[in-house]
Amino acid sequence: MDQSKITVRYAKALFALAKERNQVEVFKTDISTVVSVLQSSVDFNFLLEIPVVPTSQKIKAIRLIFKDNIDETTLRFLELIVENNREQHIPGICRNFLDLIRKEQGIKTAIVTSASPLSRETATRLKSLLEANFKTSVEMSEKVNEKLLGGFILRIDDQQYDASIATQLKKVKETLIKTELK
């Protein structure tokens, strides 16, 4: 089965359960906790991906890491994923679950990539402008890519606006090459 189909199917199942139990915010907090651990612990990711570690050990580790931090239902869901030998899909399942919640709540996601970190004031102003433009809440994250030289790239949902100096220089170069050929 295609990996994306697996992650979407599990995410939809968890989302349906969260809505049925009227615990969407509880599950959102729990899954955000799982994502935080996934992002901060190379060892935890390695544990999930390595096939020689028995399922029982993986479940024991998950229970030990999360038992005091997430709801029992969410914990049981993670255990079910491991029991079905789908633990390598946990990051994708979490990402898809959080996307479903954002979609349900009308929240847009924006990623701003810049050559250097944005100041707090600039980030706040940009977020406010986006929220006013799209007339909805925006969750904004930032990335730094020094190869941009300056400017930024804004990606919101499936739209991208590239105002980087690197792209502008590339366009100038292409224009000059076309001009020389004539």
N, C-alpha and C. Protein backbone atom coordinates (compact mmCIF):
# COMPACT_ATOMS: atom_id res chain seq x y z
N MET A 1 0.85 -1.19 0.00
CA MET A 1 0.00 0.00 0.00
C MET A 1 0.89 1.24 0.00
N ASP A 2 0.48 2.24 -0.71
CA ASP A 2 1.20 3.49 -0.80
C ASP A 2 1.31 4.13 0.58
N GLN A 3 2.51 4.65 0.89
CA GLN A 3 2.75 5.25 2.21
C GLN A 3 1.77 6.37 2.52
N SER A 4 1.49 7.22 1.54
CA SER A 4 0.59 8.34 1.81
C SER A 4 -0.83 7.85 2.09
N LYS A 5 -1.24 6.78 1.44
CA LYS A 5 -2.58 6.23 1.71
C LYS A 5 -2.65 5.70 3.15
N ILE A 6 -1.58 5.09 3.59
CA ILE A 6 -1.54 4.57 4.96
C ILE A 6 -1.65 5.71 5.96
N THR A 7 -0.83 6.74 5.77
CA THR A 7 -0.82 7.84 6.74
C THR A 7 -2.15 8.59 6.75
N VAL A 8 -2.74 8.77 5.59
CA VAL A 8 -4.04 9.46 5.51
C VAL A 8 -5.13 8.62 6.17
N ARG A 9 -5.12 7.33 5.92
CA ARG A 9 -6.14 6.45 6.49
C ARG A 9 -6.11 6.46 8.01
N TYR A 10 -4.92 6.31 8.59
CA TYR A 10 -4.79 6.33 10.05
C TYR A 10 -5.15 7.71 10.62
N ALA A 11 -4.70 8.76 9.94
CA ALA A 11 -5.00 10.12 10.41
C ALA A 11 -6.50 10.37 10.41
N LYS A 12 -7.18 9.95 9.34
CA LYS A 12 -8.64 10.13 9.26
C LYS A 12 -9.35 9.34 10.35
N ALA A 13 -8.85 8.15 10.64
CA ALA A 13 -9.46 7.33 11.70
C ALA A 13 -9.32 8.03 13.06
N LEU A 14 -8.14 8.55 13.34
CA LEU A 14 -7.93 9.25 14.61
C LEU A 14 -8.76 10.52 14.68
N PHE A 15 -8.85 11.24 13.56
CA PHE A 15 -9.64 12.46 13.51
C PHE A 15 -11.12 12.15 13.74
N ALA A 16 -11.61 11.09 13.12
CA ALA A 16 -13.02 10.70 13.31
C ALA A 16 -13.28 10.34 14.78
N LEU A 17 -12.34 9.64 15.39
CA LEU A 17 -12.47 9.28 16.81
C LEU A 17 -12.46 10.53 17.68
N ALA A 18 -11.59 11.46 17.37
CA ALA A 18 -11.50 12.71 18.15
C ALA A 18 -12.81 13.49 18.07
N LYS A 19 -13.37 13.57 16.87
CA LYS A 19 -14.64 14.29 16.70
C LYS A 19 -15.79 13.55 17.40
N GLU A 20 -15.80 12.24 17.27
CA GLU A 20 -16.86 11.42 17.89
C GLU A 20 -16.86 11.61 19.40
N ARG A 21 -15.67 11.67 19.99
CA ARG A 21 -15.56 11.82 21.45
C ARG A 21 -15.53 13.28 21.89
N ASN A 22 -15.61 14.20 20.91
CA ASN A 22 -15.56 15.62 21.19
C ASN A 22 -14.28 16.00 21.94
N GLN A 23 -13.16 15.43 21.48
CA GLN A 23 -11.86 15.67 22.11
C GLN A 23 -10.81 16.09 21.10
N VAL A 24 -11.21 16.86 20.11
CA VAL A 24 -10.28 17.26 19.06
C VAL A 24 -9.08 18.01 19.64
N GLU A 25 -9.31 18.93 20.56
CA GLU A 25 -8.21 19.71 21.14
C GLU A 25 -7.28 18.84 21.99
N VAL A 26 -7.85 17.86 22.69
CA VAL A 26 -7.03 16.94 23.49
C VAL A 26 -6.11 16.15 22.56
N PHE A 27 -6.68 15.59 21.50
CA PHE A 27 -5.89 14.80 20.56
C PHE A 27 -4.87 15.67 19.83
N LYS A 28 -5.25 16.91 19.53
CA LYS A 28 -4.33 17.82 18.85
C LYS A 28 -3.11 18.08 19.75
N THR A 29 -3.34 18.32 21.01
CA THR A 29 -2.25 18.54 21.96
C THR A 29 -1.38 17.30 22.07
N ASP A 30 -2.01 16.13 22.13
CA ASP A 30 -1.27 14.87 22.23
C ASP A 30 -0.39 14.63 21.01
N ILE A 31 -0.97 14.82 19.84
CA ILE A 31 -0.22 14.58 18.60
C ILE A 31 0.89 15.62 18.46
N SER A 32 0.65 16.83 18.90
CA SER A 32 1.71 17.86 18.88
C SER A 32 2.86 17.45 19.79
N THR A 33 2.54 16.82 20.91
CA THR A 33 3.57 16.30 21.82
C THR A 33 4.38 15.21 21.14
N VAL A 34 3.70 14.32 20.44
CA VAL A 34 4.39 13.25 19.71
C VAL A 34 5.31 13.85 18.64
N VAL A 35 4.81 14.83 17.90
CA VAL A 35 5.61 15.49 16.87
C VAL A 35 6.84 16.14 17.49
N SER A 36 6.67 16.77 18.63
CA SER A 36 7.78 17.41 19.32
C SER A 36 8.87 16.39 19.68
N VAL A 37 8.46 15.24 20.17
CA VAL A 37 9.43 14.19 20.50
C VAL A 37 10.09 13.67 19.23
N LEU A 38 9.32 13.49 18.17
CA LEU A 38 9.89 13.03 16.90
C LEU A 38 10.94 14.01 16.37
N GLN A 39 10.68 15.30 16.52
CA GLN A 39 11.60 16.32 16.01
C GLN A 39 12.84 16.47 16.88
N SER A 40 12.73 16.16 18.15
CA SER A 40 13.85 16.40 19.05
C SER A 40 14.67 15.16 19.38
N SER A 41 14.19 13.98 19.06
CA SER A 41 14.89 12.76 19.46
C SER A 41 15.24 11.87 18.26
N VAL A 42 16.49 11.87 17.91
CA VAL A 42 16.97 11.00 16.84
C VAL A 42 16.83 9.54 17.28
N ASP A 43 17.07 9.28 18.56
CA ASP A 43 16.99 7.91 19.07
C ASP A 43 15.58 7.34 18.96
N PHE A 44 14.58 8.17 19.25
CA PHE A 44 13.19 7.70 19.14
C PHE A 44 12.85 7.37 17.70
N ASN A 45 13.27 8.23 16.77
CA ASN A 45 13.04 7.95 15.34
C ASN A 45 13.74 6.67 14.92
N PHE A 46 14.96 6.48 15.39
CA PHE A 46 15.72 5.27 15.07
C PHE A 46 15.01 4.03 15.60
N LEU A 47 14.49 4.12 16.82
CA LEU A 47 13.75 3.02 17.42
C LEU A 47 12.55 2.63 16.56
N LEU A 48 11.83 3.62 16.06
CA LEU A 48 10.65 3.33 15.25
C LEU A 48 11.02 2.70 13.90
N GLU A 49 12.14 3.11 13.34
CA GLU A 49 12.49 2.68 11.99
C GLU A 49 13.22 1.35 11.93
N ILE A 50 13.94 0.97 12.98
CA ILE A 50 14.77 -0.23 12.92
C ILE A 50 13.91 -1.49 13.09
N PRO A 51 13.98 -2.39 12.11
CA PRO A 51 13.10 -3.56 12.15
C PRO A 51 13.53 -4.66 13.14
N VAL A 52 14.77 -4.64 13.61
CA VAL A 52 15.22 -5.72 14.50
C VAL A 52 14.72 -5.56 15.93
N VAL A 53 14.23 -4.39 16.29
CA VAL A 53 13.68 -4.18 17.63
C VAL A 53 12.28 -4.80 17.65
N PRO A 54 12.03 -5.72 18.58
CA PRO A 54 10.71 -6.37 18.63
C PRO A 54 9.58 -5.37 18.92
N THR A 55 8.41 -5.68 18.40
CA THR A 55 7.22 -4.84 18.58
C THR A 55 6.95 -4.57 20.06
N SER A 56 7.12 -5.60 20.89
CA SER A 56 6.85 -5.45 22.32
C SER A 56 7.77 -4.41 22.95
N GLN A 57 9.03 -4.35 22.51
CA GLN A 57 9.97 -3.37 23.03
C GLN A 57 9.61 -1.96 22.57
N LYS A 58 9.15 -1.84 21.32
CA LYS A 58 8.75 -0.54 20.80
C LYS A 58 7.54 -0.01 21.57
N ILE A 59 6.58 -0.89 21.83
CA ILE A 59 5.38 -0.50 22.59
C ILE A 59 5.77 -0.09 24.00
N LYS A 60 6.68 -0.85 24.61
CA LYS A 60 7.14 -0.54 25.96
C LYS A 60 7.80 0.84 25.98
N ALA A 61 8.62 1.13 24.98
CA ALA A 61 9.30 2.43 24.91
C ALA A 61 8.29 3.56 24.72
N ILE A 62 7.32 3.36 23.84
CA ILE A 62 6.29 4.39 23.60
C ILE A 62 5.51 4.65 24.88
N ARG A 63 5.14 3.58 25.57
CA ARG A 63 4.39 3.73 26.82
C ARG A 63 5.24 4.48 27.85
N LEU A 64 6.51 4.15 27.93
CA LEU A 64 7.40 4.80 28.90
C LEU A 64 7.57 6.29 28.59
N ILE A 65 7.72 6.63 27.31
CA ILE A 65 7.94 8.02 26.91
C ILE A 65 6.68 8.86 27.09
N PHE A 66 5.52 8.31 26.71
CA PHE A 66 4.31 9.13 26.61
C PHE A 66 3.26 8.91 27.70
N LYS A 67 3.39 7.93 28.56
CA LYS A 67 2.30 7.58 29.48
C LYS A 67 1.82 8.73 30.36
N ASP A 68 2.71 9.62 30.75
CA ASP A 68 2.31 10.74 31.61
C ASP A 68 2.04 12.02 30.83
N ASN A 69 2.23 11.98 29.51
CA ASN A 69 2.16 13.20 28.72
C ASN A 69 0.98 13.27 27.75
N ILE A 70 0.38 12.13 27.44
CA ILE A 70 -0.74 12.13 26.50
C ILE A 70 -1.89 11.29 27.03
N ASP A 71 -3.06 11.52 26.47
CA ASP A 71 -4.28 10.80 26.84
C ASP A 71 -4.12 9.31 26.56
N GLU A 72 -4.75 8.49 27.34
CA GLU A 72 -4.66 7.03 27.19
C GLU A 72 -5.14 6.58 25.80
N THR A 73 -6.16 7.22 25.26
CA THR A 73 -6.67 6.84 23.94
C THR A 73 -5.63 7.09 22.86
N THR A 74 -4.95 8.21 22.93
CA THR A 74 -3.90 8.52 21.97
C THR A 74 -2.74 7.55 22.13
N LEU A 75 -2.41 7.23 23.35
CA LEU A 75 -1.35 6.26 23.61
C LEU A 75 -1.71 4.91 23.02
N ARG A 76 -2.94 4.51 23.21
CA ARG A 76 -3.40 3.23 22.66
C ARG A 76 -3.38 3.25 21.13
N PHE A 77 -3.70 4.39 20.55
CA PHE A 77 -3.64 4.53 19.09
C PHE A 77 -2.20 4.32 18.59
N LEU A 78 -1.22 4.92 19.27
CA LEU A 78 0.19 4.73 18.90
C LEU A 78 0.59 3.25 19.02
N GLU A 79 0.12 2.62 20.07
CA GLU A 79 0.41 1.19 20.24
C GLU A 79 -0.20 0.36 19.12
N LEU A 80 -1.41 0.72 18.70
CA LEU A 80 -2.08 0.02 17.60
C LEU A 80 -1.27 0.15 16.30
N ILE A 81 -0.75 1.33 16.06
CA ILE A 81 0.08 1.55 14.87
C ILE A 81 1.30 0.62 14.90
N VAL A 82 1.94 0.52 16.05
CA VAL A 82 3.12 -0.34 16.18
C VAL A 82 2.72 -1.81 16.05
N GLU A 83 1.62 -2.20 16.67
CA GLU A 83 1.15 -3.59 16.55
C GLU A 83 0.89 -3.98 15.10
N ASN A 84 0.47 -3.02 14.28
CA ASN A 84 0.20 -3.27 12.86
C ASN A 84 1.44 -3.07 11.98
N ASN A 85 2.60 -2.94 12.64
CA ASN A 85 3.88 -2.75 11.94
C ASN A 85 3.88 -1.54 11.01
N ARG A 86 3.29 -0.45 11.47
CA ARG A 86 3.23 0.79 10.70
C ARG A 86 3.95 1.93 11.43
N GLU A 87 4.81 1.60 12.37
CA GLU A 87 5.44 2.63 13.20
C GLU A 87 6.29 3.62 12.41
N GLN A 88 6.84 3.20 11.28
CA GLN A 88 7.63 4.13 10.46
C GLN A 88 6.75 5.22 9.86
N HIS A 89 5.43 5.04 9.89
CA HIS A 89 4.49 6.01 9.34
C HIS A 89 3.96 7.00 10.38
N ILE A 90 4.39 6.86 11.63
CA ILE A 90 3.89 7.75 12.68
C ILE A 90 4.11 9.23 12.35
N PRO A 91 5.28 9.65 11.86
CA PRO A 91 5.43 11.08 11.53
C PRO A 91 4.41 11.55 10.48
N GLY A 92 4.19 10.76 9.44
CA GLY A 92 3.22 11.13 8.40
C GLY A 92 1.79 11.13 8.92
N ILE A 93 1.47 10.19 9.78
CA ILE A 93 0.13 10.13 10.37
C ILE A 93 -0.11 11.39 11.21
N CYS A 94 0.88 11.75 12.01
CA CYS A 94 0.75 12.96 12.84
C CYS A 94 0.58 14.20 11.97
N ARG A 95 1.40 14.32 10.94
CA ARG A 95 1.32 15.48 10.03
C ARG A 95 -0.06 15.56 9.38
N ASN A 96 -0.57 14.43 8.88
CA ASN A 96 -1.88 14.41 8.23
C ASN A 96 -3.00 14.70 9.23
N PHE A 97 -2.89 14.20 10.44
CA PHE A 97 -3.90 14.46 11.47
C PHE A 97 -3.97 15.96 11.77
N LEU A 98 -2.82 16.59 11.97
CA LEU A 98 -2.80 18.03 12.26
C LEU A 98 -3.30 18.83 11.07
N ASP A 99 -3.03 18.37 9.85
CA ASP A 99 -3.57 19.03 8.65
C ASP A 99 -5.09 18.95 8.61
N LEU A 100 -5.65 17.81 9.00
CA LEU A 100 -7.11 17.65 9.03
C LEU A 100 -7.74 18.63 10.03
N ILE A 101 -7.09 18.80 11.17
CA ILE A 101 -7.60 19.74 12.18
C ILE A 101 -7.54 21.17 11.64
N ARG A 102 -6.42 21.52 11.02
CA ARG A 102 -6.29 22.88 10.45
C ARG A 102 -7.38 23.12 9.41
N LYS A 103 -7.60 22.13 8.56
CA LYS A 103 -8.61 22.27 7.52
C LYS A 103 -9.99 22.46 8.15
N GLU A 104 -10.29 21.67 9.15
CA GLU A 104 -11.58 21.75 9.85
C GLU A 104 -11.78 23.12 10.49
N GLN A 105 -10.71 23.68 11.05
CA GLN A 105 -10.79 24.95 11.76
C GLN A 105 -10.52 26.14 10.85
N GLY A 106 -10.27 25.90 9.57
CA GLY A 106 -10.03 26.98 8.62
C GLY A 106 -8.71 27.70 8.82
N ILE A 107 -7.72 27.00 9.36
CA ILE A 107 -6.42 27.60 9.61
C ILE A 107 -5.50 27.32 8.42
N LYS A 108 -4.86 28.36 7.93
CA LYS A 108 -3.90 28.22 6.84
C LYS A 108 -2.50 28.08 7.43
N THR A 109 -1.63 27.37 6.70
CA THR A 109 -0.25 27.24 7.14
C THR A 109 0.65 28.00 6.18
N ALA A 110 1.58 28.72 6.74
CA ALA A 110 2.52 29.49 5.94
C ALA A 110 3.94 29.15 6.38
N ILE A 111 4.81 29.00 5.40
CA ILE A 111 6.23 28.77 5.67
C ILE A 111 6.99 29.91 5.00
N VAL A 112 7.76 30.63 5.80
CA VAL A 112 8.56 31.73 5.28
C VAL A 112 10.02 31.30 5.34
N THR A 113 10.65 31.26 4.18
CA THR A 113 12.07 30.93 4.11
C THR A 113 12.82 32.20 3.76
N SER A 114 13.79 32.54 4.59
CA SER A 114 14.55 33.77 4.37
C SER A 114 16.04 33.49 4.52
N ALA A 115 16.86 34.44 4.07
CA ALA A 115 18.31 34.28 4.13
C ALA A 115 18.83 34.37 5.57
N SER A 116 18.12 35.10 6.40
CA SER A 116 18.48 35.20 7.82
C SER A 116 17.18 35.20 8.63
N PRO A 117 17.26 34.90 9.91
CA PRO A 117 16.03 34.86 10.71
C PRO A 117 15.29 36.19 10.70
N LEU A 118 13.97 36.12 10.61
CA LEU A 118 13.14 37.33 10.65
C LEU A 118 13.11 37.88 12.07
N SER A 119 13.04 39.19 12.18
CA SER A 119 12.87 39.78 13.51
C SER A 119 11.46 39.45 13.99
N ARG A 120 11.27 39.50 15.27
CA ARG A 120 9.95 39.20 15.85
C ARG A 120 8.90 40.16 15.29
N GLU A 121 9.28 41.43 15.15
CA GLU A 121 8.36 42.45 14.64
C GLU A 121 7.96 42.14 13.19
N THR A 122 8.93 41.77 12.37
CA THR A 122 8.65 41.45 10.97
C THR A 122 7.76 40.21 10.86
N ALA A 123 8.06 39.19 11.64
CA ALA A 123 7.27 37.97 11.62
C ALA A 123 5.83 38.24 12.05
N THR A 124 5.66 39.04 13.09
CA THR A 124 4.31 39.38 13.58
C THR A 124 3.55 40.18 12.54
N ARG A 125 4.23 41.14 11.92
CA ARG A 125 3.58 41.96 10.89
C ARG A 125 3.19 41.13 9.68
N LEU A 126 4.07 40.24 9.25
CA LEU A 126 3.78 39.38 8.11
C LEU A 126 2.59 38.48 8.41
N LYS A 127 2.57 37.90 9.60
CA LYS A 127 1.45 37.04 9.99
C LYS A 127 0.14 37.83 9.99
N SER A 128 0.16 39.02 10.52
CA SER A 128 -1.04 39.87 10.53
C SER A 128 -1.52 40.18 9.12
N LEU A 129 -0.58 40.51 8.23
CA LEU A 129 -0.94 40.78 6.84
C LEU A 129 -1.56 39.57 6.17
N LEU A 130 -1.00 38.40 6.42
CA LEU A 130 -1.54 37.17 5.83
C LEU A 130 -2.94 36.88 6.36
N GLU A 131 -3.13 37.05 7.67
CA GLU A 131 -4.45 36.81 8.25
C GLU A 131 -5.48 37.78 7.70
N ALA A 132 -5.09 39.02 7.50
CA ALA A 132 -6.01 40.01 6.93
C ALA A 132 -6.32 39.68 5.48
N ASN A 133 -5.32 39.28 4.73
CA ASN A 133 -5.48 38.95 3.32
C ASN A 133 -6.36 37.71 3.12
N PHE A 134 -6.12 36.67 3.91
CA PHE A 134 -6.87 35.42 3.75
C PHE A 134 -8.12 35.35 4.62
N LYS A 135 -8.28 36.33 5.49
CA LYS A 135 -9.45 36.41 6.39
C LYS A 135 -9.63 35.14 7.21
N THR A 136 -8.52 34.62 7.73
CA THR A 136 -8.53 33.44 8.58
C THR A 136 -7.25 33.41 9.41
N SER A 137 -7.20 32.50 10.37
CA SER A 137 -5.99 32.33 11.17
C SER A 137 -4.89 31.72 10.33
N VAL A 138 -3.66 32.09 10.65
CA VAL A 138 -2.50 31.56 9.92
C VAL A 138 -1.49 31.05 10.94
N GLU A 139 -1.04 29.81 10.74
CA GLU A 139 0.06 29.26 11.52
C GLU A 139 1.32 29.44 10.67
N MET A 140 2.25 30.20 11.18
CA MET A 140 3.43 30.52 10.38
C MET A 140 4.67 29.90 11.00
N SER A 141 5.47 29.27 10.15
CA SER A 141 6.77 28.77 10.59
C SER A 141 7.85 29.39 9.72
N GLU A 142 9.05 29.40 10.24
CA GLU A 142 10.16 30.05 9.55
C GLU A 142 11.28 29.07 9.30
N LYS A 143 11.94 29.24 8.15
CA LYS A 143 13.14 28.48 7.81
C LYS A 143 14.20 29.48 7.37
N VAL A 144 15.44 29.11 7.55
CA VAL A 144 16.54 29.95 7.10
C VAL A 144 17.31 29.19 6.02
N ASN A 145 17.53 29.86 4.88
CA ASN A 145 18.31 29.30 3.79
C ASN A 145 19.24 30.41 3.28
N GLU A 146 20.49 30.36 3.67
CA GLU A 146 21.44 31.41 3.33
C GLU A 146 21.68 31.53 1.84
N LYS A 147 21.36 30.51 1.07
CA LYS A 147 21.55 30.55 -0.38
C LYS A 147 20.61 31.54 -1.07
N LEU A 148 19.59 31.99 -0.36
CA LEU A 148 18.67 32.97 -0.93
C LEU A 148 19.31 34.35 -1.08
N LEU A 149 20.40 34.57 -0.36
CA LEU A 149 21.13 35.85 -0.34
C LEU A 149 20.37 36.96 0.35
N GLY A 150 19.10 37.08 0.14
CA GLY A 150 18.26 38.10 0.75
C GLY A 150 16.84 37.88 0.29
N GLY A 151 15.92 38.67 0.80
CA GLY A 151 14.51 38.49 0.45
C GLY A 151 13.93 37.28 1.16
N PHE A 152 12.87 36.72 0.57
CA PHE A 152 12.20 35.58 1.21
C PHE A 152 11.38 34.80 0.18
N ILE A 153 11.00 33.61 0.59
CA ILE A 153 10.05 32.79 -0.16
C ILE A 153 8.91 32.49 0.80
N LEU A 154 7.70 32.81 0.38
CA LEU A 154 6.51 32.56 1.20
C LEU A 154 5.69 31.47 0.55
N ARG A 155 5.44 30.42 1.31
CA ARG A 155 4.58 29.32 0.82
C ARG A 155 3.40 29.22 1.77
N ILE A 156 2.20 29.41 1.22
CA ILE A 156 0.98 29.29 2.02
C ILE A 156 0.06 28.32 1.30
N ASP A 157 -0.27 27.24 1.98
CA ASP A 157 -0.99 26.12 1.39
C ASP A 157 -0.25 25.67 0.12
N ASP A 158 -0.87 25.77 -1.03
CA ASP A 158 -0.21 25.30 -2.25
C ASP A 158 0.25 26.46 -3.14
N GLN A 159 0.31 27.66 -2.59
CA GLN A 159 0.77 28.83 -3.33
C GLN A 159 2.15 29.23 -2.85
N GLN A 160 2.96 29.73 -3.79
CA GLN A 160 4.30 30.17 -3.41
C GLN A 160 4.60 31.52 -4.04
N TYR A 161 5.16 32.42 -3.24
CA TYR A 161 5.59 33.74 -3.71
C TYR A 161 7.09 33.83 -3.44
N ASP A 162 7.87 33.96 -4.48
CA ASP A 162 9.32 33.98 -4.37
C ASP A 162 9.85 35.40 -4.57
N ALA A 163 10.27 36.02 -3.49
CA ALA A 163 10.83 37.36 -3.55
C ALA A 163 12.29 37.33 -3.08
N SER A 164 12.98 36.24 -3.42
CA SER A 164 14.37 36.11 -2.99
C SER A 164 15.30 36.76 -4.00
N ILE A 165 16.42 37.24 -3.51
CA ILE A 165 17.40 37.87 -4.38
C ILE A 165 17.99 36.83 -5.34
N ALA A 166 18.17 35.59 -4.86
CA ALA A 166 18.72 34.53 -5.71
C ALA A 166 17.83 34.32 -6.94
N THR A 167 16.52 34.31 -6.75
CA THR A 167 15.60 34.13 -7.88
C THR A 167 15.62 35.35 -8.79
N GLN A 168 15.68 36.53 -8.21
CA GLN A 168 15.73 37.75 -9.02
C GLN A 168 16.99 37.78 -9.89
N LEU A 169 18.13 37.38 -9.31
CA LEU A 169 19.38 37.32 -10.07
C LEU A 169 19.30 36.29 -11.19
N LYS A 170 18.66 35.18 -10.91
CA LYS A 170 18.48 34.13 -11.92
C LYS A 170 17.64 34.66 -13.09
N LYS A 171 16.59 35.42 -12.78
CA LYS A 171 15.73 35.99 -13.83
C LYS A 171 16.50 37.00 -14.68
N VAL A 172 17.34 37.82 -14.03
CA VAL A 172 18.14 38.79 -14.76
C VAL A 172 19.12 38.06 -15.69
N LYS A 173 19.73 37.01 -15.18
CA LYS A 173 20.67 36.22 -15.98
C LYS A 173 19.96 35.64 -17.21
N GLU A 174 18.77 35.07 -17.01
CA GLU A 174 18.01 34.48 -18.12
C GLU A 174 17.64 35.55 -19.15
N THR A 175 17.27 36.74 -18.68
CA THR A 175 16.93 37.84 -19.59
C THR A 175 18.16 38.25 -20.41
N LEU A 176 19.30 38.33 -19.75
CA LEU A 176 20.53 38.70 -20.46
C LEU A 176 20.91 37.65 -21.51
N ILE A 177 20.76 36.40 -21.17
CA ILE A 177 21.08 35.33 -22.12
C ILE A 177 20.15 35.39 -23.33
N LYS A 178 18.88 35.61 -23.10
CA LYS A 178 17.91 35.72 -24.20
C LYS A 178 18.22 36.92 -25.08
N THR A 179 18.64 38.03 -24.45
CA THR A 179 18.96 39.25 -25.18
C THR A 179 20.20 39.03 -26.07
N GLU A 180 21.19 38.31 -25.56
CA GLU A 180 22.41 38.03 -26.32
C GLU A 180 22.13 37.17 -27.54
N LEU A 181 21.17 36.27 -27.43
CA LEU A 181 20.86 35.34 -28.52
C LEU A 181 20.17 36.01 -29.69
N LYS A 182 19.56 37.14 -29.50
CA LYS A 182 18.81 37.82 -30.57
C LYS A 182 19.67 38.53 -31.54
